[in-house]
Amino acid sequence: MKKIYSKLFNFLEIGDDLPTIIVGVINLSPESFYKGSVYLEPEKIKNAALDMIENGAQILDIGGRSTAPWSEKITIEEEINRIKTAMESVCNVIPDNIIISVDTQYSKVAEVAFEIADKKNKRIIINDVSCLKTDPSLEDYIIAKDLPIIIMASKKIPGDLCTIEEISEEFKNIIISLKNKGYDDNKIILDPGIGHWIEKKTHIYDLKIIGHLSKLKELGKPILVAISRKSFIGTTLNIPEPEKRLDGTLAATAIAIFNGAHLVRTHDVNIQLLDFVKMAEELRKNK
């Protein structure tokens, strides 16, 4: 199988033989399932960003809306206000080689984030959990601005695909569609959508997705996993509190990297995580 290699903005290299990219989560939504990842004040947002960068994050994932299906819904205007505050805080302090991932399903939010970043000479990518299904105009905006994108496997609603075969098939469809519209598919990162997004998707499906993650490498795109403190860990270990799921997160992260993940989206950017990541990388190299 051909080695996976990608390069974003001519300075961030992603691939099979390269170190795992750490994506630090900065949640702006009090509705988030894990309150420890929520930052509301500009100073706390700025400090969180700097701490994550110091500990090894190369991408900061900023989200103004909880995407959990049961979470309280907010307006696009509220999401824009949250993103605007965070973007202005973060862009003023981060180095130019740090990428901001904007976690949104809406073109209006992406546009505000891009304009702020562009004025500060910062680079953004879009992270859409709906696989460009929620707001079709977001796809048009991404193509027009030639922005890299993380697309999460979704057919009708976020995270509604349960098996690695379904996930792979949907990814093939969206990749072909984007290429046919003139988009550079080398800018695509794939997220299989691990998590309890729909009722029928039990924790067993998530465990199987991680176990068969290597099958996605056939698509030739970098793979991102968003595992951190999610409910499948709580169900597997009988730990209802997200605050107590770090050990399970680290174990699942290591297995995902061993099975081919190139990027890890995490709430916990620290030495402990980096040690797990390094061991998983070395085991993968020598299997």
C-alpha atoms as a PDB file:
ATOM      1  CA  MET A   1       0.000   0.000   0.000  1.00  0.00           C
ATOM      2  CA  LYS A   2       1.254   3.476  -0.890  1.00  0.00           C
ATOM      3  CA  LYS A   3       2.612   5.503   2.015  1.00  0.00           C
ATOM      4  CA  ILE A   4       0.371   8.337   3.170  1.00  0.00           C
ATOM      5  CA  TYR A   5       1.913  11.779   3.059  1.00  0.00           C
ATOM      6  CA  SER A   6       0.366  15.248   3.143  1.00  0.00           C
ATOM      7  CA  LYS A   7       1.596  18.778   3.670  1.00  0.00           C
ATOM      8  CA  LEU A   8      -0.528  21.675   4.901  1.00  0.00           C
ATOM      9  CA  PHE A   9       0.452  25.266   4.090  1.00  0.00           C
ATOM     10  CA  ASN A  10       3.955  24.088   3.118  1.00  0.00           C
ATOM     11  CA  PHE A  11       5.087  23.683   6.723  1.00  0.00           C
ATOM     12  CA  LEU A  12       3.083  20.946   8.470  1.00  0.00           C
ATOM     13  CA  GLU A  13       3.933  17.469   7.251  1.00  0.00           C
ATOM     14  CA  ILE A  14       1.612  14.559   8.023  1.00  0.00           C
ATOM     15  CA  GLY A  15       2.290  10.932   7.156  1.00  0.00           C
ATOM     16  CA  ASP A  16       2.976   7.309   8.016  1.00  0.00           C
ATOM     17  CA  ASP A  17       6.648   7.802   8.837  1.00  0.00           C
ATOM     18  CA  LEU A  18       6.232  11.145  10.600  1.00  0.00           C
ATOM     19  CA  PRO A  19       5.405  12.019  14.223  1.00  0.00           C
ATOM     20  CA  THR A  20       1.731  12.042  15.167  1.00  0.00           C
ATOM     21  CA  ILE A  21       0.170  15.501  14.998  1.00  0.00           C
ATOM     22  CA  ILE A  22      -1.379  16.601  18.287  1.00  0.00           C
ATOM     23  CA  VAL A  23      -4.603  18.599  17.934  1.00  0.00           C
ATOM     24  CA  GLY A  24      -5.461  20.422  21.156  1.00  0.00           C
ATOM     25  CA  VAL A  25      -9.141  21.044  21.914  1.00  0.00           C
ATOM     26  CA  ILE A  26     -10.330  24.474  23.014  1.00  0.00           C
ATOM     27  CA  ASN A  27     -14.081  24.342  23.614  1.00  0.00           C
ATOM     28  CA  LEU A  28     -15.991  27.597  23.815  1.00  0.00           C
ATOM     29  CA  SER A  29     -19.308  25.921  24.583  1.00  0.00           C
ATOM     30  CA  PRO A  30     -20.527  25.500  28.167  1.00  0.00           C
ATOM     31  CA  GLU A  31     -22.798  22.802  26.698  1.00  0.00           C
ATOM     32  CA  SER A  32     -19.767  20.552  26.093  1.00  0.00           C
ATOM     33  CA  PHE A  33     -19.860  17.063  27.635  1.00  0.00           C
ATOM     34  CA  TYR A  34     -16.445  17.593  29.248  1.00  0.00           C
ATOM     35  CA  LYS A  35     -16.396  20.797  31.269  1.00  0.00           C
ATOM     36  CA  GLY A  36     -12.631  20.604  31.775  1.00  0.00           C
ATOM     37  CA  SER A  37     -12.121  21.561  28.135  1.00  0.00           C
ATOM     38  CA  VAL A  38     -14.282  24.700  28.225  1.00  0.00           C
ATOM     39  CA  TYR A  39     -12.651  28.140  28.114  1.00  0.00           C
ATOM     40  CA  LEU A  40     -14.880  31.205  28.092  1.00  0.00           C
ATOM     41  CA  GLU A  41     -12.773  34.260  28.953  1.00  0.00           C
ATOM     42  CA  PRO A  42     -10.244  35.634  26.412  1.00  0.00           C
ATOM     43  CA  GLU A  43      -7.342  35.391  28.874  1.00  0.00           C
ATOM     44  CA  LYS A  44      -8.095  31.728  29.658  1.00  0.00           C
ATOM     45  CA  ILE A  45      -8.459  30.938  25.974  1.00  0.00           C
ATOM     46  CA  LYS A  46      -5.107  32.545  25.242  1.00  0.00           C
ATOM     47  CA  ASN A  47      -3.368  30.747  28.118  1.00  0.00           C
ATOM     48  CA  ALA A  48      -4.851  27.400  27.134  1.00  0.00           C
ATOM     49  CA  ALA A  49      -3.600  27.850  23.571  1.00  0.00           C
ATOM     50  CA  LEU A  50      -0.077  28.727  24.712  1.00  0.00           C
ATOM     51  CA  ASP A  51       0.046  25.823  27.174  1.00  0.00           C
ATOM     52  CA  MET A  52      -1.008  23.349  24.496  1.00  0.00           C
ATOM     53  CA  ILE A  53       1.572  24.658  22.046  1.00  0.00           C
ATOM     54  CA  GLU A  54       4.300  24.489  24.679  1.00  0.00           C
ATOM     55  CA  ASN A  55       3.378  20.850  25.317  1.00  0.00           C
ATOM     56  CA  GLY A  56       3.463  19.818  21.677  1.00  0.00           C
ATOM     57  CA  ALA A  57       0.203  20.758  19.943  1.00  0.00           C
ATOM     58  CA  GLN A  58       0.655  21.812  16.313  1.00  0.00           C
ATOM     59  CA  ILE A  59      -3.031  22.375  15.638  1.00  0.00           C
ATOM     60  CA  LEU A  60      -5.566  24.056  17.918  1.00  0.00           C
ATOM     61  CA  ASP A  61      -9.171  22.940  17.403  1.00  0.00           C
ATOM     62  CA  ILE A  62     -11.538  25.756  18.367  1.00  0.00           C
ATOM     63  CA  GLY A  63     -15.246  25.014  18.564  1.00  0.00           C
ATOM     64  CA  GLY A  64     -18.092  27.342  19.469  1.00  0.00           C
ATOM     65  CA  ARG A  65     -20.859  24.747  19.566  1.00  0.00           C
ATOM     66  CA  SER A  66     -21.164  21.367  21.246  1.00  0.00           C
ATOM     67  CA  THR A  67     -21.775  18.739  18.583  1.00  0.00           C
ATOM     68  CA  ALA A  68     -23.099  16.094  20.966  1.00  0.00           C
ATOM     69  CA  PRO A  69     -26.620  15.170  19.769  1.00  0.00           C
ATOM     70  CA  TRP A  70     -28.184  15.751  23.195  1.00  0.00           C
ATOM     71  CA  SER A  71     -26.547  19.124  23.859  1.00  0.00           C
ATOM     72  CA  GLU A  72     -28.382  22.431  24.006  1.00  0.00           C
ATOM     73  CA  LYS A  73     -28.657  24.060  20.587  1.00  0.00           C
ATOM     74  CA  ILE A  74     -27.443  27.593  19.957  1.00  0.00           C
ATOM     75  CA  THR A  75     -27.867  30.019  17.069  1.00  0.00           C
ATOM     76  CA  ILE A  76     -25.296  30.576  14.364  1.00  0.00           C
ATOM     77  CA  GLU A  77     -24.955  34.153  15.657  1.00  0.00           C
ATOM     78  CA  GLU A  78     -23.968  32.872  19.112  1.00  0.00           C
ATOM     79  CA  GLU A  79     -21.476  30.466  17.570  1.00  0.00           C
ATOM     80  CA  ILE A  80     -19.978  33.343  15.559  1.00  0.00           C
ATOM     81  CA  ASN A  81     -19.650  35.506  18.681  1.00  0.00           C
ATOM     82  CA  ARG A  82     -17.824  32.747  20.530  1.00  0.00           C
ATOM     83  CA  ILE A  83     -15.516  31.958  17.618  1.00  0.00           C
ATOM     84  CA  LYS A  84     -14.761  35.626  17.007  1.00  0.00           C
ATOM     85  CA  THR A  85     -13.665  36.171  20.615  1.00  0.00           C
ATOM     86  CA  ALA A  86     -11.452  33.098  20.595  1.00  0.00           C
ATOM     87  CA  MET A  87      -9.902  33.750  17.191  1.00  0.00           C
ATOM     88  CA  GLU A  88      -8.956  37.298  18.137  1.00  0.00           C
ATOM     89  CA  SER A  89      -7.397  36.087  21.401  1.00  0.00           C
ATOM     90  CA  VAL A  90      -5.487  33.167  19.903  1.00  0.00           C
ATOM     91  CA  CYS A  91      -4.285  34.834  16.695  1.00  0.00           C
ATOM     92  CA  ASN A  92      -2.607  37.568  18.728  1.00  0.00           C
ATOM     93  CA  VAL A  93      -0.305  35.161  20.580  1.00  0.00           C
ATOM     94  CA  ILE A  94       0.378  31.986  18.594  1.00  0.00           C
ATOM     95  CA  PRO A  95       3.326  31.520  16.206  1.00  0.00           C
ATOM     96  CA  ASP A  96       2.653  31.574  12.472  1.00  0.00           C
ATOM     97  CA  ASN A  97       3.418  27.830  12.168  1.00  0.00           C
ATOM     98  CA  ILE A  98       0.503  26.832  14.403  1.00  0.00           C
ATOM     99  CA  ILE A  99      -2.684  25.971  12.527  1.00  0.00           C
ATOM    100  CA  ILE A 100      -6.153  26.716  13.863  1.00  0.00           C
ATOM    101  CA  SER A 101      -8.824  24.129  13.177  1.00  0.00           C
ATOM    102  CA  VAL A 102     -12.263  25.743  13.227  1.00  0.00           C
ATOM    103  CA  ASP A 103     -14.819  23.189  14.360  1.00  0.00           C
ATOM    104  CA  THR A 104     -17.990  24.292  12.581  1.00  0.00           C
ATOM    105  CA  GLN A 105     -20.671  23.123  10.178  1.00  0.00           C
ATOM    106  CA  TYR A 106     -21.540  26.606   8.873  1.00  0.00           C
ATOM    107  CA  SER A 107     -20.019  28.796   6.180  1.00  0.00           C
ATOM    108  CA  LYS A 108     -20.815  32.032   8.042  1.00  0.00           C
ATOM    109  CA  VAL A 109     -18.716  30.884  10.985  1.00  0.00           C
ATOM    110  CA  ALA A 110     -15.883  29.731   8.718  1.00  0.00           C
ATOM    111  CA  GLU A 111     -15.890  33.077   6.939  1.00  0.00           C
ATOM    112  CA  VAL A 112     -15.551  35.074  10.174  1.00  0.00           C
ATOM    113  CA  ALA A 113     -12.738  32.821  11.393  1.00  0.00           C
ATOM    114  CA  PHE A 114     -10.870  33.010   8.097  1.00  0.00           C
ATOM    115  CA  GLU A 115     -11.048  36.800   7.911  1.00  0.00           C
ATOM    116  CA  ILE A 116      -9.658  37.213  11.429  1.00  0.00           C
ATOM    117  CA  ALA A 117      -6.872  34.690  10.836  1.00  0.00           C
ATOM    118  CA  ASP A 118      -5.957  36.118   7.451  1.00  0.00           C
ATOM    119  CA  LYS A 119      -5.452  39.607   8.881  1.00  0.00           C
ATOM    120  CA  LYS A 120      -3.035  38.143  11.442  1.00  0.00           C
ATOM    121  CA  ASN A 121      -1.213  35.960   8.898  1.00  0.00           C
ATOM    122  CA  LYS A 122      -2.488  32.789  10.581  1.00  0.00           C
ATOM    123  CA  ARG A 123      -3.724  29.651   8.849  1.00  0.00           C
ATOM    124  CA  ILE A 124      -6.977  27.794   9.429  1.00  0.00           C
ATOM    125  CA  ILE A 125      -8.517  24.510   8.424  1.00  0.00           C
ATOM    126  CA  ILE A 126     -12.189  23.599   8.770  1.00  0.00           C
ATOM    127  CA  ASN A 127     -13.350  20.654  10.872  1.00  0.00           C
ATOM    128  CA  ASP A 128     -16.899  19.658   9.864  1.00  0.00           C
ATOM    129  CA  VAL A 129     -18.519  16.790  11.774  1.00  0.00           C
ATOM    130  CA  SER A 130     -21.378  16.650   9.267  1.00  0.00           C
ATOM    131  CA  CYS A 131     -19.159  15.779   6.290  1.00  0.00           C
ATOM    132  CA  LEU A 132     -20.434  18.947   4.552  1.00  0.00           C
ATOM    133  CA  LYS A 133     -24.066  17.845   4.911  1.00  0.00           C
ATOM    134  CA  THR A 134     -25.439  20.481   7.343  1.00  0.00           C
ATOM    135  CA  ASP A 135     -24.650  23.594   5.288  1.00  0.00           C
ATOM    136  CA  PRO A 136     -23.912  23.013   1.587  1.00  0.00           C
ATOM    137  CA  SER A 137     -22.571  26.550   1.268  1.00  0.00           C
ATOM    138  CA  LEU A 138     -19.659  25.572   3.528  1.00  0.00           C
ATOM    139  CA  GLU A 139     -18.397  23.274   0.788  1.00  0.00           C
ATOM    140  CA  ASP A 140     -18.542  26.158  -1.703  1.00  0.00           C
ATOM    141  CA  TYR A 141     -16.609  28.402   0.691  1.00  0.00           C
ATOM    142  CA  ILE A 142     -13.902  25.819   1.319  1.00  0.00           C
ATOM    143  CA  ILE A 143     -13.437  25.265  -2.395  1.00  0.00           C
ATOM    144  CA  ALA A 144     -13.363  29.013  -3.122  1.00  0.00           C
ATOM    145  CA  LYS A 145     -10.759  29.684  -0.413  1.00  0.00           C
ATOM    146  CA  ASP A 146      -8.876  26.431  -1.048  1.00  0.00           C
ATOM    147  CA  LEU A 147      -8.978  25.614   2.673  1.00  0.00           C
ATOM    148  CA  PRO A 148      -7.900  22.223   4.032  1.00  0.00           C
ATOM    149  CA  ILE A 149     -10.686  20.282   5.703  1.00  0.00           C
ATOM    150  CA  ILE A 150     -11.227  17.572   8.278  1.00  0.00           C
ATOM    151  CA  ILE A 151     -14.363  15.684   7.299  1.00  0.00           C
ATOM    152  CA  MET A 152     -16.067  13.386   9.772  1.00  0.00           C
ATOM    153  CA  ALA A 153     -17.871  10.351   8.417  1.00  0.00           C
ATOM    154  CA  SER A 154     -21.570  11.185   8.169  1.00  0.00           C
ATOM    155  CA  LYS A 155     -24.285  10.261   5.690  1.00  0.00           C
ATOM    156  CA  LYS A 156     -27.360  12.258   6.751  1.00  0.00           C
ATOM    157  CA  ILE A 157     -26.502  13.546  10.221  1.00  0.00           C
ATOM    158  CA  PRO A 158     -23.181  13.760  12.100  1.00  0.00           C
ATOM    159  CA  GLY A 159     -21.739  10.408  13.094  1.00  0.00           C
ATOM    160  CA  ASP A 160     -24.540   8.199  11.763  1.00  0.00           C
ATOM    161  CA  LEU A 161     -22.215   5.593  10.217  1.00  0.00           C
ATOM    162  CA  CYS A 162     -21.404   2.583  12.367  1.00  0.00           C
ATOM    163  CA  THR A 163     -19.024   0.271  10.525  1.00  0.00           C
ATOM    164  CA  ILE A 164     -15.651   0.812   8.923  1.00  0.00           C
ATOM    165  CA  GLU A 165     -17.134  -0.350   5.593  1.00  0.00           C
ATOM    166  CA  GLU A 166     -19.907   2.273   5.714  1.00  0.00           C
ATOM    167  CA  ILE A 167     -17.417   4.934   6.755  1.00  0.00           C
ATOM    168  CA  SER A 168     -15.001   4.084   3.954  1.00  0.00           C
ATOM    169  CA  GLU A 169     -17.749   4.107   1.331  1.00  0.00           C
ATOM    170  CA  GLU A 170     -19.019   7.532   2.375  1.00  0.00           C
ATOM    171  CA  PHE A 171     -15.486   8.927   2.382  1.00  0.00           C
ATOM    172  CA  LYS A 172     -14.948   7.632  -1.155  1.00  0.00           C
ATOM    173  CA  ASN A 173     -18.101   9.428  -2.268  1.00  0.00           C
ATOM    174  CA  ILE A 174     -17.195  12.797  -0.724  1.00  0.00           C
ATOM    175  CA  ILE A 175     -13.600  12.645  -1.983  1.00  0.00           C
ATOM    176  CA  ILE A 176     -14.783  11.984  -5.550  1.00  0.00           C
ATOM    177  CA  SER A 177     -17.404  14.741  -5.280  1.00  0.00           C
ATOM    178  CA  LEU A 178     -14.879  17.322  -4.057  1.00  0.00           C
ATOM    179  CA  LYS A 179     -12.338  16.366  -6.728  1.00  0.00           C
ATOM    180  CA  ASN A 180     -14.988  16.688  -9.445  1.00  0.00           C
ATOM    181  CA  LYS A 181     -15.658  20.242  -8.228  1.00  0.00           C
ATOM    182  CA  GLY A 182     -12.006  21.164  -8.600  1.00  0.00           C
ATOM    183  CA  TYR A 183     -10.932  20.815  -4.982  1.00  0.00           C
ATOM    184  CA  ASP A 184      -7.403  19.629  -4.228  1.00  0.00           C
ATOM    185  CA  ASP A 185      -8.056  16.347  -2.401  1.00  0.00           C
ATOM    186  CA  ASN A 186      -4.556  16.447  -0.894  1.00  0.00           C
ATOM    187  CA  LYS A 187      -6.065  18.909   1.584  1.00  0.00           C
ATOM    188  CA  ILE A 188      -8.507  16.333   3.010  1.00  0.00           C
ATOM    189  CA  ILE A 189      -8.118  14.722   6.445  1.00  0.00           C
ATOM    190  CA  LEU A 190     -10.473  11.893   7.426  1.00  0.00           C
ATOM    191  CA  ASP A 191     -12.161  11.487  10.827  1.00  0.00           C
ATOM    192  CA  PRO A 192     -14.106   8.188  11.186  1.00  0.00           C
ATOM    193  CA  GLY A 193     -16.521   9.728  13.688  1.00  0.00           C
ATOM    194  CA  ILE A 194     -15.909   7.766  16.859  1.00  0.00           C
ATOM    195  CA  GLY A 195     -18.564   8.483  19.475  1.00  0.00           C
ATOM    196  CA  HIS A 196     -22.177   7.910  20.500  1.00  0.00           C
ATOM    197  CA  TRP A 197     -23.727  10.092  17.801  1.00  0.00           C
ATOM    198  CA  ILE A 198     -26.905   8.068  17.275  1.00  0.00           C
ATOM    199  CA  GLU A 199     -28.791   5.668  19.560  1.00  0.00           C
ATOM    200  CA  LYS A 200     -28.013   2.474  17.672  1.00  0.00           C
ATOM    201  CA  LYS A 201     -24.273   3.192  17.650  1.00  0.00           C
ATOM    202  CA  THR A 202     -23.150   1.448  20.820  1.00  0.00           C
ATOM    203  CA  HIS A 203     -19.631   1.462  22.250  1.00  0.00           C
ATOM    204  CA  ILE A 204     -18.935  -1.832  20.471  1.00  0.00           C
ATOM    205  CA  TYR A 205     -19.078  -0.057  17.107  1.00  0.00           C
ATOM    206  CA  ASP A 206     -16.512   2.479  18.331  1.00  0.00           C
ATOM    207  CA  LEU A 207     -14.193  -0.265  19.560  1.00  0.00           C
ATOM    208  CA  LYS A 208     -14.452  -2.028  16.204  1.00  0.00           C
ATOM    209  CA  ILE A 209     -13.766   1.194  14.268  1.00  0.00           C
ATOM    210  CA  ILE A 210     -10.549   1.716  16.222  1.00  0.00           C
ATOM    211  CA  GLY A 211      -9.636  -1.943  15.796  1.00  0.00           C
ATOM    212  CA  HIS A 212     -10.080  -1.783  12.007  1.00  0.00           C
ATOM    213  CA  LEU A 213      -8.795   1.763  11.484  1.00  0.00           C
ATOM    214  CA  SER A 214      -6.029   0.596   9.164  1.00  0.00           C
ATOM    215  CA  LYS A 215      -8.644  -0.168   6.492  1.00  0.00           C
ATOM    216  CA  LEU A 216      -9.136   3.571   5.991  1.00  0.00           C
ATOM    217  CA  LYS A 217      -5.531   3.869   4.831  1.00  0.00           C
ATOM    218  CA  GLU A 218      -6.669   2.416   1.509  1.00  0.00           C
ATOM    219  CA  LEU A 219      -8.154   5.867   0.786  1.00  0.00           C
ATOM    220  CA  GLY A 220      -4.698   7.450   0.897  1.00  0.00           C
ATOM    221  CA  LYS A 221      -5.621  10.315   3.222  1.00  0.00           C
ATOM    222  CA  PRO A 222      -4.362  11.251   6.692  1.00  0.00           C
ATOM    223  CA  ILE A 223      -6.573   9.886   9.479  1.00  0.00           C
ATOM    224  CA  LEU A 224      -7.581  11.881  12.547  1.00  0.00           C
ATOM    225  CA  VAL A 225      -9.128  10.288  15.618  1.00  0.00           C
ATOM    226  CA  ALA A 226     -11.201  12.223  18.132  1.00  0.00           C
ATOM    227  CA  ILE A 227     -11.290   9.790  21.057  1.00  0.00           C
ATOM    228  CA  SER A 228     -10.629  11.972  24.062  1.00  0.00           C
ATOM    229  CA  ARG A 229     -12.808  11.111  27.112  1.00  0.00           C
ATOM    230  CA  LYS A 230     -15.744   9.979  24.958  1.00  0.00           C
ATOM    231  CA  SER A 231     -18.671   7.887  26.132  1.00  0.00           C
ATOM    232  CA  PHE A 232     -17.469   4.600  24.612  1.00  0.00           C
ATOM    233  CA  ILE A 233     -14.594   4.740  27.099  1.00  0.00           C
ATOM    234  CA  GLY A 234     -16.991   5.402  29.952  1.00  0.00           C
ATOM    235  CA  THR A 235     -19.255   2.525  28.923  1.00  0.00           C
ATOM    236  CA  THR A 236     -16.375   0.093  28.419  1.00  0.00           C
ATOM    237  CA  LEU A 237     -14.783   0.909  31.794  1.00  0.00           C
ATOM    238  CA  ASN A 238     -18.009   1.762  33.655  1.00  0.00           C
ATOM    239  CA  ILE A 239     -16.825   5.320  34.253  1.00  0.00           C
ATOM    240  CA  PRO A 240     -19.710   7.766  33.751  1.00  0.00           C
ATOM    241  CA  GLU A 241     -17.683  10.892  34.553  1.00  0.00           C
ATOM    242  CA  PRO A 242     -15.626  12.247  31.617  1.00  0.00           C
ATOM    243  CA  GLU A 243     -13.210  13.722  34.188  1.00  0.00           C
ATOM    244  CA  LYS A 244     -12.120  10.180  35.133  1.00  0.00           C
ATOM    245  CA  ARG A 245     -11.606   8.776  31.639  1.00  0.00           C
ATOM    246  CA  LEU A 246      -7.995   9.823  31.013  1.00  0.00           C
ATOM    247  CA  ASP A 247      -6.478   6.344  31.369  1.00  0.00           C
ATOM    248  CA  GLY A 248      -8.994   4.871  28.940  1.00  0.00           C
ATOM    249  CA  THR A 249      -8.371   7.747  26.559  1.00  0.00           C
ATOM    250  CA  LEU A 250      -4.629   7.141  26.561  1.00  0.00           C
ATOM    251  CA  ALA A 251      -5.025   3.408  25.964  1.00  0.00           C
ATOM    252  CA  ALA A 252      -7.459   3.909  23.068  1.00  0.00           C
ATOM    253  CA  THR A 253      -5.251   6.656  21.602  1.00  0.00           C
ATOM    254  CA  ALA A 254      -2.218   4.395  21.590  1.00  0.00           C
ATOM    255  CA  ILE A 255      -4.123   1.614  19.824  1.00  0.00           C
ATOM    256  CA  ALA A 256      -5.503   4.052  17.248  1.00  0.00           C
ATOM    257  CA  ILE A 257      -2.009   5.327  16.451  1.00  0.00           C
ATOM    258  CA  PHE A 258      -0.706   1.758  16.222  1.00  0.00           C
ATOM    259  CA  ASN A 259      -3.497   1.050  13.734  1.00  0.00           C
ATOM    260  CA  GLY A 260      -2.713   4.040  11.534  1.00  0.00           C
ATOM    261  CA  ALA A 261      -3.990   7.335  12.976  1.00  0.00           C
ATOM    262  CA  HIS A 262      -1.868  10.328  11.938  1.00  0.00           C
ATOM    263  CA  LEU A 263      -3.537  13.029  14.036  1.00  0.00           C
ATOM    264  CA  VAL A 264      -5.003  12.874  17.533  1.00  0.00           C
ATOM    265  CA  ARG A 265      -7.594  15.391  18.703  1.00  0.00           C
ATOM    266  CA  THR A 266      -7.343  15.589  22.482  1.00  0.00           C
ATOM    267  CA  HIS A 267      -8.329  17.591  25.552  1.00  0.00           C
ATOM    268  CA  ASP A 268      -5.103  16.564  27.312  1.00  0.00           C
ATOM    269  CA  VAL A 269      -1.937  17.924  25.733  1.00  0.00           C
ATOM    270  CA  ASN A 270       0.773  16.919  28.218  1.00  0.00           C
ATOM    271  CA  ILE A 271       3.852  14.757  28.770  1.00  0.00           C
ATOM    272  CA  GLN A 272       1.776  11.725  29.711  1.00  0.00           C
ATOM    273  CA  LEU A 273      -0.060  11.827  26.383  1.00  0.00           C
ATOM    274  CA  LEU A 274       3.158  12.385  24.451  1.00  0.00           C
ATOM    275  CA  ASP A 275       4.767   9.321  26.080  1.00  0.00           C
ATOM    276  CA  PHE A 276       1.822   7.133  25.020  1.00  0.00           C
ATOM    277  CA  VAL A 277       1.957   8.582  21.517  1.00  0.00           C
ATOM    278  CA  LYS A 278       5.700   7.986  21.187  1.00  0.00           C
ATOM    279  CA  MET A 279       5.450   4.366  22.345  1.00  0.00           C
ATOM    280  CA  ALA A 280       2.597   3.679  19.926  1.00  0.00           C
ATOM    281  CA  GLU A 281       4.582   5.221  17.060  1.00  0.00           C
ATOM    282  CA  GLU A 282       7.635   3.083  17.809  1.00  0.00           C
ATOM    283  CA  LEU A 283       5.564  -0.095  18.072  1.00  0.00           C
ATOM    284  CA  ARG A 284       3.894   0.709  14.747  1.00  0.00           C
ATOM    285  CA  LYS A 285       7.247   1.242  13.063  1.00  0.00           C
ATOM    286  CA  ASN A 286       8.529  -2.120  14.257  1.00  0.00           C
ATOM    287  CA  LYS A 287       5.503  -4.378  13.842  1.00  0.00           C
END
